[in-house]
Protein backbone atom coordinates (compact mmCIF):
# COMPACT_ATOMS: atom_id res chain seq x y z
CA MET A 1 1.85 -9.92 -25.52
CA ILE A 2 -0.39 -7.13 -24.13
CA SER A 3 0.45 -3.87 -25.88
CA LYS A 4 0.13 -1.80 -22.68
CA MET A 5 2.68 -3.94 -20.88
CA ILE A 6 6.13 -2.46 -20.30
CA PRO A 7 9.18 -4.77 -20.70
CA PHE A 8 9.56 -5.23 -16.93
CA PRO A 9 8.13 -3.64 -13.78
CA THR A 10 9.84 -0.50 -12.56
CA THR A 11 8.98 -1.35 -8.94
CA VAL A 12 9.18 -4.70 -7.17
CA ASP A 13 8.04 -5.50 -3.61
CA LEU A 14 9.98 -8.30 -1.92
CA ALA A 15 8.77 -9.93 1.29
CA LEU A 16 11.90 -11.23 2.98
CA THR A 17 9.94 -13.30 5.49
CA GLY A 18 6.48 -14.08 6.77
CA ARG A 19 7.77 -13.84 10.33
CA CYS A 20 6.41 -10.94 12.36
CA ASN A 21 6.56 -9.99 16.00
CA LEU A 22 3.13 -8.31 15.82
CA ARG A 23 -0.36 -9.46 14.86
CA CYS A 24 -1.92 -6.33 13.41
CA LYS A 25 -5.66 -6.33 12.81
CA HIS A 26 -5.35 -4.90 9.29
CA CYS A 27 -2.61 -7.30 8.06
CA ASN A 28 -3.42 -8.92 4.72
CA ALA A 29 -1.32 -11.99 5.50
CA SER A 30 -2.55 -15.02 7.42
CA ASP A 31 -1.40 -16.06 10.88
CA ALA A 32 -0.61 -19.53 9.55
CA TRP A 33 2.56 -18.93 7.54
CA GLU A 34 4.71 -21.88 6.52
CA LEU A 35 8.23 -20.71 7.32
CA GLU A 36 9.80 -23.86 5.91
CA SER A 37 8.63 -22.82 2.44
CA GLU A 38 10.41 -19.47 2.52
CA LEU A 39 13.17 -18.58 0.11
CA SER A 40 16.68 -19.19 1.39
CA PHE A 41 19.29 -16.44 1.56
CA ASP A 42 20.89 -17.67 -1.67
CA GLU A 43 17.48 -17.83 -3.38
CA ILE A 44 16.77 -14.23 -2.35
CA ILE A 45 20.12 -13.19 -3.83
CA GLY A 46 19.07 -15.01 -7.00
CA VAL A 47 15.85 -12.97 -7.10
CA LEU A 48 17.84 -9.78 -6.63
CA ASP A 49 20.08 -10.80 -9.53
CA GLN A 50 17.02 -11.16 -11.76
CA ILE A 51 15.79 -7.74 -10.64
CA ARG A 52 19.15 -6.12 -11.35
CA LYS A 53 19.36 -7.75 -14.79
CA GLU A 54 16.02 -6.20 -15.77
CA LYS A 55 17.05 -2.76 -14.44
CA VAL A 56 14.27 -2.32 -11.87
CA PHE A 57 14.26 1.21 -10.41
CA ASN A 58 12.63 0.67 -7.01
CA LEU A 59 12.68 -2.21 -4.53
CA ASN A 60 10.45 -2.27 -1.45
CA LEU A 61 11.53 -4.67 1.30
CA PHE A 62 8.74 -5.85 3.57
CA GLY A 63 7.40 -8.95 5.33
CA GLY A 64 6.03 -10.02 7.76
CA GLU A 65 8.48 -7.78 9.48
CA PRO A 66 11.79 -7.48 7.58
CA PHE A 67 13.79 -7.07 10.79
CA CYS A 68 12.50 -10.50 11.88
CA TYR A 69 14.44 -12.01 8.98
CA PRO A 70 17.46 -13.79 10.55
CA GLU A 71 19.90 -12.54 7.92
CA ILE A 72 18.51 -9.03 7.50
CA HIS A 73 21.89 -7.37 8.08
CA GLU A 74 23.53 -9.53 5.43
CA ILE A 75 20.75 -8.71 2.97
CA LEU A 76 21.07 -4.97 3.58
CA GLU A 77 24.81 -5.21 3.05
CA ALA A 78 24.39 -7.27 -0.13
CA LEU A 79 22.02 -4.65 -1.55
CA ASN A 80 24.93 -2.23 -1.82
CA SER A 81 25.91 -4.16 -4.95
CA TYR A 82 22.53 -3.49 -6.59
CA PRO A 83 21.96 0.04 -7.99
CA ILE A 84 18.27 0.11 -7.02
CA ARG A 85 16.40 2.59 -4.81
CA ILE A 86 15.51 0.70 -1.63
CA THR A 87 12.60 1.41 0.70
CA ILE A 88 12.24 -0.64 3.88
CA LEU A 89 8.68 -1.12 5.17
CA THR A 90 8.71 -1.88 8.88
CA ASN A 91 6.61 -1.70 12.03
CA GLY A 92 9.61 -0.05 13.66
CA THR A 93 9.51 -2.03 16.89
CA LEU A 94 12.72 -3.99 16.23
CA ILE A 95 14.84 -1.07 15.09
CA ASP A 96 17.77 -0.82 17.48
CA LYS A 97 21.26 0.64 17.19
CA LYS A 98 22.52 -2.38 15.24
CA ALA A 99 19.67 -2.05 12.74
CA VAL A 100 20.34 1.67 12.36
CA GLU A 101 24.03 1.01 11.70
CA SER A 102 23.11 -1.45 8.93
CA VAL A 103 20.65 0.99 7.38
CA LYS A 104 23.20 3.82 7.56
CA LYS A 105 25.59 1.83 5.40
CA MET A 106 23.08 1.36 2.59
CA ARG A 107 24.23 3.16 -0.55
CA PHE A 108 20.86 3.32 -2.30
CA LEU A 109 18.42 3.83 0.56
CA ALA A 110 15.36 5.86 -0.44
CA ALA A 111 13.44 5.71 2.85
CA VAL A 112 12.43 3.69 5.87
CA GLN A 113 8.64 3.64 6.10
CA VAL A 114 7.45 3.05 9.65
CA SER A 115 3.83 2.11 10.36
CA VAL A 116 2.30 4.28 13.05
CA ASP A 117 -1.47 4.03 13.47
CA GLY A 118 -2.02 6.54 16.23
CA SER A 119 -0.47 9.43 18.11
CA ASN A 120 -0.44 7.58 21.42
CA PRO A 121 -0.35 4.02 22.78
CA SER A 122 -4.09 3.71 23.41
CA VAL A 123 -4.90 4.31 19.73
CA HIS A 124 -1.92 2.66 18.02
CA ASP A 125 -1.75 -0.40 20.27
CA TRP A 126 -5.42 -1.31 19.67
CA GLN A 127 -4.45 -2.07 16.10
CA ARG A 128 -0.93 -3.48 16.57
CA GLY A 129 -0.59 -4.80 20.09
CA GLU A 130 0.34 -3.61 23.58
CA GLY A 131 3.64 -1.78 23.82
CA SER A 132 4.09 -1.45 20.07
CA PHE A 133 3.66 2.35 19.94
CA ASP A 134 6.52 3.13 22.30
CA LYS A 135 8.81 0.66 20.53
CA ALA A 136 7.92 2.01 17.08
CA MET A 137 8.50 5.61 18.12
CA ASN A 138 11.82 4.68 19.68
CA GLY A 139 12.80 3.17 16.33
CA VAL A 140 11.72 6.32 14.51
CA ARG A 141 13.83 8.48 16.82
CA LEU A 142 16.90 6.27 16.42
CA LEU A 143 16.63 6.53 12.64
CA MET A 144 16.05 10.28 12.65
CA GLU A 145 18.91 10.93 15.07
CA GLU A 146 21.21 9.56 12.38
CA GLY A 147 19.62 11.73 9.70
CA LEU A 148 18.07 8.78 7.87
CA PRO A 149 15.00 9.37 5.66
CA VAL A 150 11.83 8.29 7.48
CA ASN A 151 8.22 8.15 6.32
CA LEU A 152 5.23 7.40 8.53
CA LYS A 153 2.15 5.53 7.35
CA ALA A 154 -1.17 4.91 9.10
CA ILE A 155 -4.03 2.59 8.19
CA ILE A 156 -7.20 4.49 9.03
CA ASN A 157 -10.25 2.79 10.53
CA ARG A 158 -13.11 3.53 12.89
CA HIS A 159 -10.82 3.40 15.90
CA ASN A 160 -8.27 6.02 14.83
CA ILE A 161 -10.17 8.29 12.44
CA ASP A 162 -10.51 10.94 15.16
CA ASP A 163 -6.77 10.82 15.83
CA MET A 164 -5.62 11.81 12.34
CA GLU A 165 -4.90 15.43 13.23
CA ASN A 166 -2.95 14.36 16.30
CA MET A 167 -0.89 12.06 14.07
CA ILE A 168 -0.11 14.99 11.77
CA ARG A 169 0.98 17.12 14.73
CA MET A 170 3.14 14.26 15.96
CA ALA A 171 4.78 13.93 12.54
CA MET A 172 5.35 17.69 12.33
CA GLY A 173 6.86 17.61 15.80
CA LEU A 174 9.37 15.09 14.50
CA GLY A 175 10.26 17.46 11.68
CA LEU A 176 8.49 15.48 8.95
CA GLY A 177 6.79 17.25 6.05
CA GLY A 178 4.18 14.61 5.28
CA MET A 179 2.55 11.33 6.20
CA ASP A 180 0.71 8.58 4.33
CA PHE A 181 -2.84 7.57 5.19
CA GLY A 182 -4.37 4.39 3.77
CA ASP A 183 -7.24 1.97 4.28
CA ALA A 184 -7.30 -1.79 4.75
CA VAL A 185 -7.99 -4.47 2.13
CA GLU A 186 -10.23 -7.36 3.25
CA CYS A 187 -7.65 -10.13 3.05
CA GLY A 188 -5.97 -12.23 5.72
CA ARG A 189 -6.42 -10.88 9.23
CA ALA A 190 -8.09 -7.77 7.82
CA ALA A 191 -10.97 -9.96 6.67
CA VAL A 192 -11.36 -11.31 10.22
CA TYR A 193 -11.58 -7.78 11.62
CA ALA A 194 -13.47 -6.32 8.65
CA ASN A 195 -16.36 -5.04 10.77
CA GLU A 196 -13.93 -2.88 12.74
CA LEU A 197 -11.84 -1.76 9.78
CA VAL A 198 -14.21 -1.25 6.84
CA PHE A 199 -16.28 1.92 6.65
CA GLU A 200 -19.94 2.44 5.86
CA GLY A 201 -21.08 5.55 4.02
CA GLU A 202 -21.24 8.03 6.88
CA THR A 203 -17.79 7.05 8.08
CA HIS A 204 -16.43 7.41 4.56
CA ARG A 205 -17.80 10.93 4.40
CA LYS A 206 -16.33 11.77 7.80
CA MET A 207 -12.96 10.36 6.73
CA MET A 208 -12.86 12.42 3.54
CA GLU A 209 -14.16 15.58 5.24
CA THR A 210 -11.38 15.13 7.78
CA MET A 211 -8.81 14.80 4.99
CA PHE A 212 -10.02 17.98 3.29
CA ARG A 213 -10.13 19.86 6.60
CA LEU A 214 -6.58 18.82 7.43
CA LYS A 215 -5.40 19.66 3.91
CA LYS A 216 -6.71 23.18 4.38
CA LYS A 217 -5.44 23.57 7.95
CA TYR A 218 -1.94 22.22 7.20
CA PRO A 219 -1.29 23.31 3.59
CA ARG A 220 2.47 22.68 3.77
CA PHE A 221 2.06 19.16 5.13
CA ASN A 222 1.75 16.46 2.47
CA LEU A 223 -1.17 14.09 2.99
CA GLY A 224 -0.12 11.02 1.00
CA GLY A 225 -1.17 7.41 0.65
CA THR A 226 -4.41 6.12 -0.84
CA LEU A 227 -6.52 8.64 1.08
CA GLY A 228 -4.36 11.47 -0.21
CA GLN A 229 -4.88 10.14 -3.73
CA LYS A 230 -8.65 10.14 -3.21
CA VAL A 231 -8.51 13.79 -2.15
CA SER A 232 -6.64 14.69 -5.35
CA MET A 233 -8.98 12.64 -7.53
CA LEU A 234 -12.13 14.25 -6.14
CA CYS A 235 -10.60 17.73 -6.50
CA ASP A 236 -9.76 16.93 -10.13
CA PHE A 237 -13.36 15.93 -10.81
CA TYR A 238 -14.81 19.07 -9.24
CA ALA A 239 -12.30 21.32 -10.98
CA ASN A 240 -12.95 19.90 -14.47
CA GLY A 241 -16.54 18.66 -14.42
CA ARG A 242 -18.56 15.66 -15.56
CA GLY A 243 -17.39 13.75 -18.63
CA LYS A 244 -13.91 15.31 -18.73
CA GLY A 245 -11.98 12.40 -17.23
CA ALA A 246 -9.93 9.88 -19.18
CA ARG A 247 -10.99 6.67 -17.43
CA GLY A 248 -14.30 4.81 -17.19
CA THR A 249 -12.68 1.38 -17.48
CA PHE A 250 -11.17 -1.13 -15.07
CA SER A 251 -7.79 0.52 -15.51
CA THR A 252 -5.77 -0.43 -12.48
CA CYS A 253 -3.11 1.06 -10.31
CA PRO A 254 0.47 0.04 -11.20
CA ALA A 255 -0.18 -3.56 -10.07
CA GLY A 256 0.54 -5.76 -13.05
CA PHE A 257 1.41 -2.77 -15.22
CA SER A 258 4.59 -1.38 -13.68
CA MET A 259 4.96 -3.28 -10.41
CA LEU A 260 4.96 -6.79 -8.95
CA SER A 261 5.22 -8.27 -5.48
CA ILE A 262 7.13 -11.37 -4.40
CA ARG A 263 6.03 -13.27 -1.32
CA SER A 264 8.63 -14.85 0.94
CA ASP A 265 7.70 -18.30 -0.37
CA GLY A 266 8.64 -17.27 -3.91
CA LYS A 267 5.06 -16.87 -5.12
CA VAL A 268 4.52 -13.77 -7.27
CA VAL A 269 1.39 -11.62 -6.88
CA PRO A 270 0.31 -8.42 -8.70
CA CYS A 271 0.88 -6.30 -5.58
CA SER A 272 1.19 -6.84 -1.84
CA ALA A 273 -2.54 -6.15 -1.37
CA PHE A 274 -3.34 -8.98 -3.82
CA TRP A 275 -1.75 -11.39 -1.34
CA THR A 276 -3.51 -14.59 -2.44
CA LEU A 277 -3.82 -13.98 -6.21
CA VAL A 278 -0.77 -15.96 -7.33
CA CYS A 279 0.63 -15.19 -10.80
CA GLY A 280 3.51 -17.65 -10.74
CA ASP A 281 6.16 -19.37 -8.67
CA LEU A 282 9.85 -18.42 -8.83
CA GLY A 283 10.69 -22.00 -7.97
CA GLU A 284 9.33 -22.97 -11.38
CA ARG A 285 9.68 -19.91 -13.64
CA SER A 286 11.79 -16.78 -13.95
CA LEU A 287 10.39 -13.43 -12.90
CA LYS A 288 10.66 -12.27 -16.53
CA ASP A 289 8.63 -15.25 -17.75
CA ILE A 290 5.94 -14.65 -15.14
CA TRP A 291 5.77 -10.96 -16.05
CA GLU A 292 5.33 -11.67 -19.74
CA ASN A 293 3.18 -14.81 -19.73
CA SER A 294 1.16 -15.00 -16.52
CA GLN A 295 -2.50 -15.61 -17.34
CA VAL A 296 -3.51 -13.72 -14.18
CA LEU A 297 -1.43 -10.66 -15.04
CA ASN A 298 -2.66 -10.60 -18.62
CA GLU A 299 -6.26 -10.78 -17.42
CA ILE A 300 -5.67 -7.81 -15.11
CA ARG A 301 -4.09 -5.85 -17.96
CA ALA A 302 -6.99 -6.64 -20.28
CA LEU A 303 -9.39 -5.02 -17.79
CA ALA A 304 -8.04 -1.62 -18.79
CA ASP A 305 -10.06 -1.92 -22.01
CA GLU A 306 -13.35 -2.98 -20.38
CA ALA A 307 -15.98 -0.35 -19.62
CA LEU A 308 -17.21 -0.12 -16.04
CA ASP A 309 -20.85 0.37 -17.00
CA LYS A 310 -20.80 -2.97 -18.86
CA TYR A 311 -20.65 -4.78 -15.51
CA LYS A 312 -22.56 -2.45 -13.23
CA LYS A 313 -25.59 -0.62 -14.57
CA GLU A 314 -25.41 2.09 -11.89
CA CYS A 315 -22.13 3.24 -13.39
CA ALA A 316 -23.91 4.63 -16.45
CA ASP A 317 -25.77 7.14 -14.25
CA CYS A 318 -22.73 8.19 -12.22
CA ASP A 319 -21.34 11.65 -12.98
CA TYR A 320 -17.88 10.46 -11.84
CA LEU A 321 -17.77 7.61 -14.40
CA THR A 322 -15.11 9.03 -16.73
CA TYR A 323 -12.78 9.64 -13.77
CA CYS A 324 -13.29 6.20 -12.21
CA ASN A 325 -11.30 2.97 -12.49
CA GLY A 326 -13.57 0.86 -10.31
CA GLY A 327 -11.35 1.37 -7.30
CA CYS A 328 -8.42 -0.63 -6.02
CA ARG A 329 -8.53 -3.99 -7.85
CA ALA A 330 -7.35 -5.87 -4.77
CA ALA A 331 -9.97 -4.26 -2.52
CA ALA A 332 -12.67 -4.92 -5.13
CA TYR A 333 -11.49 -8.50 -5.66
CA TYR A 334 -11.74 -9.44 -2.00
CA SER A 335 -14.90 -7.51 -1.16
CA ALA A 336 -16.61 -9.01 -4.25
CA GLY A 337 -15.72 -12.58 -3.33
CA GLY A 338 -12.86 -13.10 -5.75
CA ASP A 339 -14.18 -11.26 -8.80
CA LEU A 340 -11.53 -9.28 -10.69
CA ARG A 341 -14.36 -7.23 -12.22
CA GLY A 342 -15.87 -6.43 -8.86
CA ILE A 343 -16.56 -2.85 -7.81
CA ASN A 344 -14.91 -1.51 -4.69
CA MET A 345 -17.93 -0.05 -2.91
CA SER A 346 -15.76 2.21 -0.78
CA THR A 347 -14.74 3.99 -3.99
CA CYS A 348 -18.41 4.50 -4.88
CA LEU A 349 -19.12 5.92 -1.43
CA VAL A 350 -16.28 8.43 -1.80
CA PHE A 351 -16.75 9.49 -5.43
CA SER A 352 -20.30 8.75 -6.63
CA ASP A 353 -23.16 11.11 -5.83
CA LEU A 354 -25.60 8.22 -6.35
CA TYR A 355 -25.16 7.18 -2.72
CA GLY A 356 -25.23 10.62 -1.11
CA PHE A 357 -21.95 10.46 0.85
CA ARG A 358 -19.63 12.44 -1.42
CA VAL A 359 -17.98 15.53 0.05
CA GLU A 360 -19.54 18.68 -1.41
CA LYS A 361 -17.71 20.68 -4.08
CA ASP A 362 -17.30 23.81 -1.96
CA THR A 363 -15.70 21.80 0.84
CA ALA A 364 -13.32 20.03 -1.52
CA LEU A 365 -12.17 23.02 -3.56
CA SER A 366 -11.76 25.29 -0.55
CA ALA A 367 -9.14 22.97 0.90
């Protein structure tokens, strides 16, 4: 057993269904989803029983679109018997009064995260489909009118990078104190639209400069998500200096260390971004057995002891090396053609001065 492994993940993502009413360009799932292979209602309850037995703290419900699941209201009601913090990840377009009533009754609701990729239909709908902005915002308003906790999340790309400030103003106008900003992983439909979603160096710099500018302009507004994390990581480097970090290995995010994701067909993956890297099948093994004995998970965990500069010679000359973990493992895995030891080039473009796109120290620390 890997020594760094905890007894069981503290967070589990559960895809209730592969069904979705939208076809978003950045989605990491495929269009061709075999609905007949999905877990039944009773099988989902069985998964929840396993999660409760192992005392998981956080459960994220997603899809597909969770409100496309035929028995979503029954699932939300059943979750009142499980003392676990629940977050629902939704595109918001199917949230109506009935959905709000079901969510209101949830005893352990942490938040409803609604995906909003623009401040207006022309920006948002390019990514998610015509009419989706108005429907999503109607869902947000219905939730907020009942005092329910709502988070907004946007996936940033070339099409909406100039709309980030407008999104912040929109969120503030709704009374929200923060918003998550992330970037796409090249898997599923996101791989098909990679040329429109993935940034080159100059766009990376513009994205990060925008984040720092907005952080300075709206100091009381929390910029979260993966882009918010990158802002904090670069500030930490500039504040402390070369060689003072505690990384320099393929240490990962919580995927495989404190979290797991379960697809709607019962296949287990390290996280929802690692959509095709199957660790086990709940139709054959328990979640506990997969967590402890999956060869894939143990290989990911072992990466935390492997030095980055062993696999990429440029790393040895990078002043950010001791702060780096090689980037998101899922993003690196897909962009490197299925190599778990791949380097996520977008991370290099943000953090390494070797490529000339890193935001300057004065800009970062003045934010």
